[in-house]
């Protein structure tokens, strides 16, 4: 399905957009095209690349354009010296070295303070993004909350089977729980996990996997999660956020169709999924079965909602995934899981990238930091 109608041109939909965001959308594309013409060295020809490589290149270019020209991210210059960043790797189930970046508060290093740890999984539809994606945010979280943040460079589709990203992500959580106190000077009783979009879907799946494998989590923090049924074929409820915001520039049906095709391609890499190897690594035969049956295809239909960690669900008002996050939040509430729910008014899927432009985005960043600091300080949810 596709449409040429921009959602804010519909009066009934426009009211869900911050006027400043509409202005941003209306002007950025033409200016971006001119910027490319003025800076040809930064925009070499990518027509020879594969579809997924082109998507990654364009996403990276656009992200840099927002950051450098529009200065959308809250600056980190004044706090950067308070944070030490360490590059490392953690073994996955098949011996692959998963790249991670560890962000630590220098005061905790100097004074040998054991900190809470937040393990983060970036967004990008499982096909793009990486350790660069949310770096600015981690500096602020470490600075404001005093926690350690571990950013995970899980493997992407279509080069890898779609379950590999989940297995890599769980391997890092498993390692941090078992070896983090010794190797990262963190408190294994204060582990939180979180992510945005695809990273939020990983987070929700891992909250179930952690429960299954007796890994206690202090918190799961899911920002704009993919959690409900999202159809790209057949009839779609015209009152749903998935339909109303289907042509939103930040996330839309066209990009979703592309991600779906990448996932279908990744399914051909089934040789990477060795059940005995996965069982041996994690010590649990149900890890792969539960991923395949419930946690990856439809986390909202999981048969077991007991003993899940406290969870934060954040949705954005003009995001196609708004209903998806609300659906999962209701599931948690219905099953007695302790949650906090927050809706970012007037903004869309990438609201967290606008902390220097919109008060709502800056408030979200401080809300995120305070949530992690409460874990660090042992405060109540």
Protein backbone atom coordinates (compact mmCIF):
# COMPACT_ATOMS: atom_id res chain seq x y z
CA UNK A 1 0.00 0.00 0.00
CA UNK A 2 1.19 3.51 -0.66
CA UNK A 3 -0.12 7.03 -0.88
CA UNK A 4 1.09 10.42 -2.06
CA UNK A 5 -0.86 12.29 0.61
CA UNK A 6 1.29 13.77 3.32
CA UNK A 7 -0.50 13.08 6.61
CA UNK A 8 -0.44 16.65 7.89
CA UNK A 9 -2.37 17.78 4.82
CA UNK A 10 -5.40 16.01 6.29
CA UNK A 11 -7.00 18.38 8.85
CA UNK A 12 -8.00 15.46 11.08
CA UNK A 13 -4.44 14.15 11.16
CA UNK A 14 -2.64 17.49 11.20
CA UNK A 15 -3.72 18.13 14.79
CA UNK A 16 -1.39 15.33 15.91
CA UNK A 17 1.69 17.18 14.59
CA UNK A 18 3.62 19.92 16.32
CA UNK A 19 3.52 22.89 13.87
CA UNK A 20 7.30 23.20 14.18
CA UNK A 21 7.67 19.59 13.07
CA UNK A 22 5.55 20.27 9.96
CA UNK A 23 7.74 23.28 9.18
CA UNK A 24 10.81 21.09 9.63
CA UNK A 25 9.47 18.48 7.19
CA UNK A 26 8.38 21.09 4.65
CA UNK A 27 11.80 22.72 4.40
CA UNK A 28 14.39 20.04 5.12
CA UNK A 29 14.13 18.04 1.91
CA UNK A 30 14.76 20.92 -0.52
CA UNK A 31 17.58 22.23 1.66
CA UNK A 32 19.04 18.74 1.90
CA UNK A 33 19.13 18.43 -1.88
CA UNK A 34 20.95 21.76 -2.13
CA UNK A 35 23.34 20.74 0.64
CA UNK A 36 24.29 17.63 -1.34
CA UNK A 37 25.03 19.75 -4.39
CA UNK A 38 27.18 22.11 -2.32
CA UNK A 39 29.13 19.27 -0.65
CA UNK A 40 29.76 16.66 -3.37
CA UNK A 41 32.74 15.22 -1.48
CA UNK A 42 30.39 14.11 1.29
CA UNK A 43 27.90 12.51 -1.11
CA UNK A 44 29.68 10.19 -3.57
CA UNK A 45 27.66 8.16 -6.05
CA UNK A 46 26.04 5.11 -4.42
CA UNK A 47 24.08 3.79 -7.38
CA UNK A 48 26.38 0.77 -7.65
CA UNK A 49 25.55 -0.38 -4.11
CA UNK A 50 22.93 -2.96 -3.18
CA UNK A 51 19.50 -1.82 -2.04
CA UNK A 52 20.31 -2.34 1.62
CA UNK A 53 23.71 -0.62 1.27
CA UNK A 54 22.04 2.37 -0.37
CA UNK A 55 19.46 2.54 2.42
CA UNK A 56 22.20 2.47 5.06
CA UNK A 57 24.22 5.11 3.25
CA UNK A 58 21.23 7.42 2.86
CA UNK A 59 20.16 6.94 6.48
CA UNK A 60 23.67 7.77 7.68
CA UNK A 61 23.88 10.84 5.43
CA UNK A 62 20.52 12.13 6.61
CA UNK A 63 21.41 11.55 10.24
CA UNK A 64 24.65 13.50 9.85
CA UNK A 65 22.81 16.27 8.01
CA UNK A 66 20.31 16.63 10.84
CA UNK A 67 23.07 16.63 13.44
CA UNK A 68 25.56 18.94 11.72
CA UNK A 69 23.31 21.37 9.85
CA UNK A 70 20.08 21.46 11.86
CA UNK A 71 21.83 20.63 15.13
CA UNK A 72 18.95 18.44 16.23
CA UNK A 73 20.86 16.64 18.97
CA UNK A 74 21.54 18.18 22.35
CA UNK A 75 25.25 19.18 22.24
CA UNK A 76 27.67 17.05 24.22
CA UNK A 77 30.77 19.27 24.06
CA UNK A 78 30.48 20.45 27.66
CA UNK A 79 29.95 16.99 29.13
CA UNK A 80 32.09 14.83 26.85
CA UNK A 81 35.11 14.92 29.16
CA UNK A 82 33.01 13.42 31.97
CA UNK A 83 32.54 10.19 30.00
CA UNK A 84 35.03 7.51 29.02
CA UNK A 85 34.20 5.33 26.02
CA UNK A 86 35.73 1.86 25.72
CA UNK A 87 35.54 -0.33 22.61
CA UNK A 88 35.27 -4.04 23.24
CA UNK A 89 33.70 -7.27 21.97
CA UNK A 90 31.55 -10.00 23.48
CA UNK A 91 31.27 -13.53 22.07
CA UNK A 92 28.00 -14.59 20.49
CA UNK A 93 26.54 -18.10 20.28
CA UNK A 94 28.56 -18.95 17.15
CA UNK A 95 31.85 -17.36 18.17
CA UNK A 96 31.19 -14.05 16.40
CA UNK A 97 32.75 -11.10 18.22
CA UNK A 98 29.90 -8.68 18.86
CA UNK A 99 31.25 -5.10 18.93
CA UNK A 100 30.16 -3.05 21.92
CA UNK A 101 30.88 0.46 23.17
CA UNK A 102 30.98 0.93 26.92
CA UNK A 103 30.20 4.43 28.22
CA UNK A 104 31.33 5.01 31.80
CA UNK A 105 31.16 8.01 34.08
CA UNK A 106 34.77 9.01 34.83
CA UNK A 107 33.92 9.74 38.45
CA UNK A 108 32.81 6.12 38.90
CA UNK A 109 36.11 4.96 37.40
CA UNK A 110 38.28 7.23 39.56
CA UNK A 111 36.41 6.29 42.74
CA UNK A 112 35.89 2.62 41.82
CA UNK A 113 32.11 2.93 42.13
CA UNK A 114 30.03 -0.07 41.10
CA UNK A 115 27.25 1.31 38.90
CA UNK A 116 23.94 0.27 37.45
CA UNK A 117 24.21 -0.70 33.77
CA UNK A 118 21.92 0.00 30.85
CA UNK A 119 22.31 -2.25 27.78
CA UNK A 120 21.07 -0.49 24.66
CA UNK A 121 19.94 -1.85 21.30
CA UNK A 122 19.81 0.64 18.43
CA UNK A 123 16.98 1.02 15.92
CA UNK A 124 17.04 0.80 12.14
CA UNK A 125 14.59 -1.92 11.16
CA UNK A 126 17.22 -4.59 11.94
CA UNK A 127 18.85 -3.62 8.60
CA UNK A 128 20.64 -0.36 9.38
CA UNK A 129 22.05 1.63 12.28
CA UNK A 130 25.01 0.78 14.44
CA UNK A 131 27.16 1.90 17.34
CA UNK A 132 27.18 5.49 16.06
CA UNK A 133 23.37 5.76 16.02
CA UNK A 134 22.58 7.08 19.52
CA UNK A 135 26.02 7.99 20.84
CA UNK A 136 25.03 11.54 21.80
CA UNK A 137 22.23 10.16 23.95
CA UNK A 138 24.53 7.82 25.85
CA UNK A 139 26.85 10.68 26.84
CA UNK A 140 23.87 12.45 28.37
CA UNK A 141 22.53 9.35 30.14
CA UNK A 142 25.92 8.61 31.67
CA UNK A 143 26.44 12.26 32.63
CA UNK A 144 22.99 12.74 34.17
CA UNK A 145 22.40 9.33 35.72
CA UNK A 146 25.93 8.18 36.56
CA UNK A 147 25.21 4.74 35.10
CA UNK A 148 27.26 2.63 32.71
CA UNK A 149 25.79 2.25 29.20
CA UNK A 150 26.71 -0.63 26.90
CA UNK A 151 25.77 -0.09 23.25
CA UNK A 152 25.42 -3.32 21.25
CA UNK A 153 26.44 -3.74 17.61
CA UNK A 154 24.25 -6.74 16.86
CA UNK A 155 24.44 -8.23 13.35
CA UNK A 156 22.03 -6.93 10.71
CA UNK A 157 19.79 -8.33 8.00
CA UNK A 158 19.86 -9.33 5.17
CA UNK A 159 23.48 -10.47 5.52
CA UNK A 160 22.45 -12.51 8.55
CA UNK A 161 19.42 -14.56 9.51
CA UNK A 162 16.80 -12.35 11.19
CA UNK A 163 17.10 -14.23 14.50
CA UNK A 164 20.83 -13.52 14.76
CA UNK A 165 20.18 -9.97 15.97
CA UNK A 166 18.12 -11.40 18.86
CA UNK A 167 20.72 -14.04 19.69
CA UNK A 168 23.57 -11.50 19.60
CA UNK A 169 21.58 -9.14 21.81
CA UNK A 170 20.75 -11.88 24.30
CA UNK A 171 24.38 -13.05 24.32
CA UNK A 172 25.47 -9.59 25.49
CA UNK A 173 22.83 -9.50 28.22
CA UNK A 174 23.80 -13.02 29.33
CA UNK A 175 27.49 -12.05 29.46
CA UNK A 176 26.89 -8.80 31.35
CA UNK A 177 24.80 -10.60 33.94
CA UNK A 178 27.42 -13.32 34.48
CA UNK A 179 30.66 -11.36 34.08
CA UNK A 180 29.76 -7.65 34.21
CA UNK A 181 30.62 -7.12 37.88
CA UNK A 182 34.17 -8.32 37.36
CA UNK A 183 34.82 -6.94 33.87
CA UNK A 184 32.80 -3.69 33.84
CA UNK A 185 32.46 -2.90 37.57
CA UNK A 186 28.66 -2.92 37.37
CA UNK A 187 26.02 -4.14 39.81
CA UNK A 188 24.38 -7.26 38.32
CA UNK A 189 21.28 -6.55 40.41
CA UNK A 190 20.80 -3.24 38.57
CA UNK A 191 20.71 -4.25 34.90
CA UNK A 192 18.31 -2.47 32.57
CA UNK A 193 17.82 -2.97 28.85
CA UNK A 194 16.35 -0.64 26.27
CA UNK A 195 16.09 0.41 22.68
CA UNK A 196 14.22 2.37 20.04
CA UNK A 197 11.96 0.93 17.31
CA UNK A 198 13.63 -2.35 16.25
CA UNK A 199 15.78 -1.99 19.36
CA UNK A 200 12.60 -1.69 21.43
CA UNK A 201 11.28 -4.89 19.85
CA UNK A 202 14.55 -6.57 20.84
CA UNK A 203 14.12 -5.16 24.35
CA UNK A 204 10.65 -6.64 24.75
CA UNK A 205 11.77 -10.03 23.45
CA UNK A 206 14.78 -10.00 25.78
CA UNK A 207 12.62 -9.14 28.79
CA UNK A 208 10.82 -12.45 28.17
CA UNK A 209 14.04 -14.36 27.43
CA UNK A 210 15.67 -12.97 30.59
CA UNK A 211 12.69 -14.16 32.64
CA UNK A 212 12.87 -17.60 30.97
CA UNK A 213 16.56 -17.87 31.84
CA UNK A 214 16.39 -16.45 35.37
CA UNK A 215 18.27 -13.25 34.58
CA UNK A 216 16.77 -10.56 36.85
CA UNK A 217 16.23 -7.20 35.17
CA UNK A 218 15.66 -3.94 36.98
CA UNK A 219 13.93 -2.41 33.96
CA UNK A 220 13.00 -2.76 30.28
CA UNK A 221 12.76 0.60 28.49
CA UNK A 222 11.02 0.37 25.08
CA UNK A 223 10.83 3.55 22.97
CA UNK A 224 8.40 3.49 19.99
CA UNK A 225 8.32 -0.33 19.93
CA UNK A 226 7.23 -2.64 17.13
CA UNK A 227 4.88 -4.82 19.16
CA UNK A 228 1.50 -5.18 17.42
CA UNK A 229 0.30 -6.67 14.16
CA UNK A 230 1.22 -4.35 11.27
CA UNK A 231 -0.23 -5.25 7.88
CA UNK A 232 1.25 -4.07 4.60
CA UNK A 233 -1.18 -6.15 2.59
CA UNK A 234 -4.96 -6.30 2.68
CA UNK A 235 -7.35 -4.17 4.69
CA UNK A 236 -6.06 -1.77 7.34
CA UNK A 237 -8.19 0.06 9.92
CA UNK A 238 -8.41 3.68 8.65
CA UNK A 239 -8.60 4.90 12.26
CA UNK A 240 -5.34 3.24 13.24
CA UNK A 241 -2.08 5.12 13.65
CA UNK A 242 -0.55 2.64 11.21
CA UNK A 243 -2.91 4.02 8.51
CA UNK A 244 -3.20 7.69 9.52
CA UNK A 245 0.57 8.24 9.57
CA UNK A 246 1.41 5.78 6.79
CA UNK A 247 3.27 8.40 4.77
CA UNK A 248 5.11 10.08 7.64
CA UNK A 249 8.67 10.96 6.56
CA UNK A 250 10.26 9.40 9.65
CA UNK A 251 8.70 5.95 9.22
CA UNK A 252 6.28 4.94 6.49
CA UNK A 253 4.89 2.02 4.55
CA UNK A 254 7.46 2.33 1.76
CA UNK A 255 10.35 1.94 4.18
CA UNK A 256 8.49 -0.87 5.95
CA UNK A 257 8.11 -2.74 2.65
CA UNK A 258 11.86 -2.43 2.13
CA UNK A 259 12.62 -3.76 5.61
CA UNK A 260 10.24 -6.65 5.02
CA UNK A 261 12.08 -7.59 1.83
CA UNK A 262 15.40 -7.50 3.70
CA UNK A 263 13.97 -9.84 6.33
CA UNK A 264 12.72 -12.21 3.64
CA UNK A 265 16.20 -12.26 2.11
CA UNK A 266 17.74 -12.91 5.53
CA UNK A 267 15.56 -15.98 5.95
CA UNK A 268 17.77 -17.70 3.37
CA UNK A 269 20.60 -17.73 5.94
CA UNK A 270 18.99 -20.54 7.96
CA UNK A 271 22.35 -22.34 8.10
CA UNK A 272 23.36 -19.80 10.76
CA UNK A 273 20.69 -21.09 13.14
CA UNK A 274 22.05 -24.30 14.66
CA UNK A 275 19.68 -25.43 17.45
CA UNK A 276 22.24 -27.58 19.28
CA UNK A 277 24.82 -24.79 19.13
CA UNK A 278 22.34 -22.25 20.52
CA UNK A 279 21.16 -24.63 23.25
CA UNK A 280 24.74 -25.37 24.26
CA UNK A 281 25.68 -21.69 24.41
CA UNK A 282 22.68 -20.48 26.43
CA UNK A 283 22.07 -23.69 28.35
CA UNK A 284 18.37 -23.66 27.49
CA UNK A 285 16.68 -25.54 24.67
CA UNK A 286 13.68 -23.18 24.73
CA UNK A 287 15.60 -20.03 23.70
CA UNK A 288 15.35 -20.71 19.97
CA UNK A 289 11.86 -22.22 20.12
CA UNK A 290 10.38 -19.26 22.00
CA UNK A 291 12.10 -16.76 19.72
CA UNK A 292 10.79 -18.45 16.60
CA UNK A 293 7.27 -19.05 17.91
CA UNK A 294 6.44 -15.98 20.01
CA UNK A 295 9.07 -13.36 20.77
CA UNK A 296 10.13 -12.49 17.22
CA UNK A 297 6.95 -12.84 15.11
CA UNK A 298 4.39 -11.52 17.60
CA UNK A 299 5.60 -10.63 21.08
CA UNK A 300 2.09 -9.51 22.07
CA UNK A 301 0.82 -13.07 21.76
CA UNK A 302 3.34 -14.54 24.19
CA UNK A 303 1.73 -17.22 26.39
CA UNK A 304 3.64 -16.23 29.53
CA UNK A 305 3.45 -12.77 31.12
CA UNK A 306 4.53 -13.71 34.63
CA UNK A 307 7.59 -12.27 36.37
CA UNK A 308 8.40 -9.74 33.68
CA UNK A 309 10.50 -6.74 34.74
CA UNK A 310 9.18 -3.27 35.35
CA UNK A 311 8.72 -1.75 31.92
CA UNK A 312 8.61 1.73 30.41
CA UNK A 313 6.70 2.07 27.13
CA UNK A 314 7.14 5.33 25.19
CA UNK A 315 5.08 6.15 22.10
CA UNK A 316 5.02 9.22 19.85
CA UNK A 317 1.74 10.83 18.88
CA UNK A 318 2.29 11.04 15.09
CA UNK A 319 4.16 7.74 14.80
CA UNK A 320 2.60 4.91 12.73
CA UNK A 321 3.64 2.64 15.62
CA UNK A 322 1.66 4.59 18.24
CA UNK A 323 -1.06 1.95 18.48
CA UNK A 324 1.54 -0.81 18.56
CA UNK A 325 3.13 0.55 21.73
CA UNK A 326 -0.26 1.13 23.36
CA UNK A 327 -1.28 -2.43 22.51
CA UNK A 328 1.74 -3.87 24.30
CA UNK A 329 1.38 -1.51 27.26
CA UNK A 330 -2.21 -2.71 27.73
CA UNK A 331 -1.04 -6.32 27.60
CA UNK A 332 1.40 -5.61 30.42
CA UNK A 333 -1.23 -3.81 32.49
CA UNK A 334 -3.78 -6.59 31.93
CA UNK A 335 -1.25 -9.13 33.24
CA UNK A 336 -0.28 -7.09 36.29
CA UNK A 337 3.19 -6.03 35.14
CA UNK A 338 4.38 -2.78 36.70
CA UNK A 339 4.73 -0.19 33.95
CA UNK A 340 5.13 3.48 33.16
CA UNK A 341 3.60 4.77 29.94
CA UNK A 342 4.55 8.01 28.21
CA UNK A 343 3.30 9.59 24.99
CA UNK A 344 5.40 12.25 23.26
CA UNK A 345 2.94 14.83 21.98
CA UNK A 346 3.20 16.33 18.50
CA UNK A 347 6.19 14.31 17.34
CA UNK A 348 6.81 11.13 15.40
CA UNK A 349 8.94 8.02 15.27
CA UNK A 350 12.33 9.74 15.57
CA UNK A 351 11.32 12.12 18.38
CA UNK A 352 14.41 11.22 20.41
CA UNK A 353 16.66 12.73 17.71
CA UNK A 354 15.26 16.25 18.21
CA UNK A 355 16.37 17.01 21.77
CA UNK A 356 17.89 20.34 20.72
CA UNK A 357 14.82 21.45 18.74
CA UNK A 358 11.75 20.41 20.70
CA UNK A 359 10.95 20.71 24.39
CA UNK A 360 9.15 17.33 24.22
CA UNK A 361 12.32 15.61 23.02
CA UNK A 362 14.53 17.21 25.65
CA UNK A 363 11.99 16.31 28.33
CA UNK A 364 12.07 12.70 27.08
CA UNK A 365 15.86 12.60 27.41
CA UNK A 366 15.69 13.85 31.00
CA UNK A 367 12.86 11.41 31.77
CA UNK A 368 15.01 8.58 30.43
CA UNK A 369 18.00 9.71 32.49
CA UNK A 370 15.94 10.08 35.67
CA UNK A 371 14.52 6.58 35.21
CA UNK A 372 18.03 5.14 35.02
CA UNK A 373 19.22 7.26 37.95
CA UNK A 374 16.37 5.92 40.07
CA UNK A 375 17.72 2.42 39.40
CA UNK A 376 21.23 3.57 40.23
CA UNK A 377 20.05 5.13 43.50
CA UNK A 378 17.70 2.27 44.41
CA UNK A 379 14.61 4.47 44.29
CA UNK A 380 11.13 3.07 43.74
CA UNK A 381 9.67 2.83 40.23
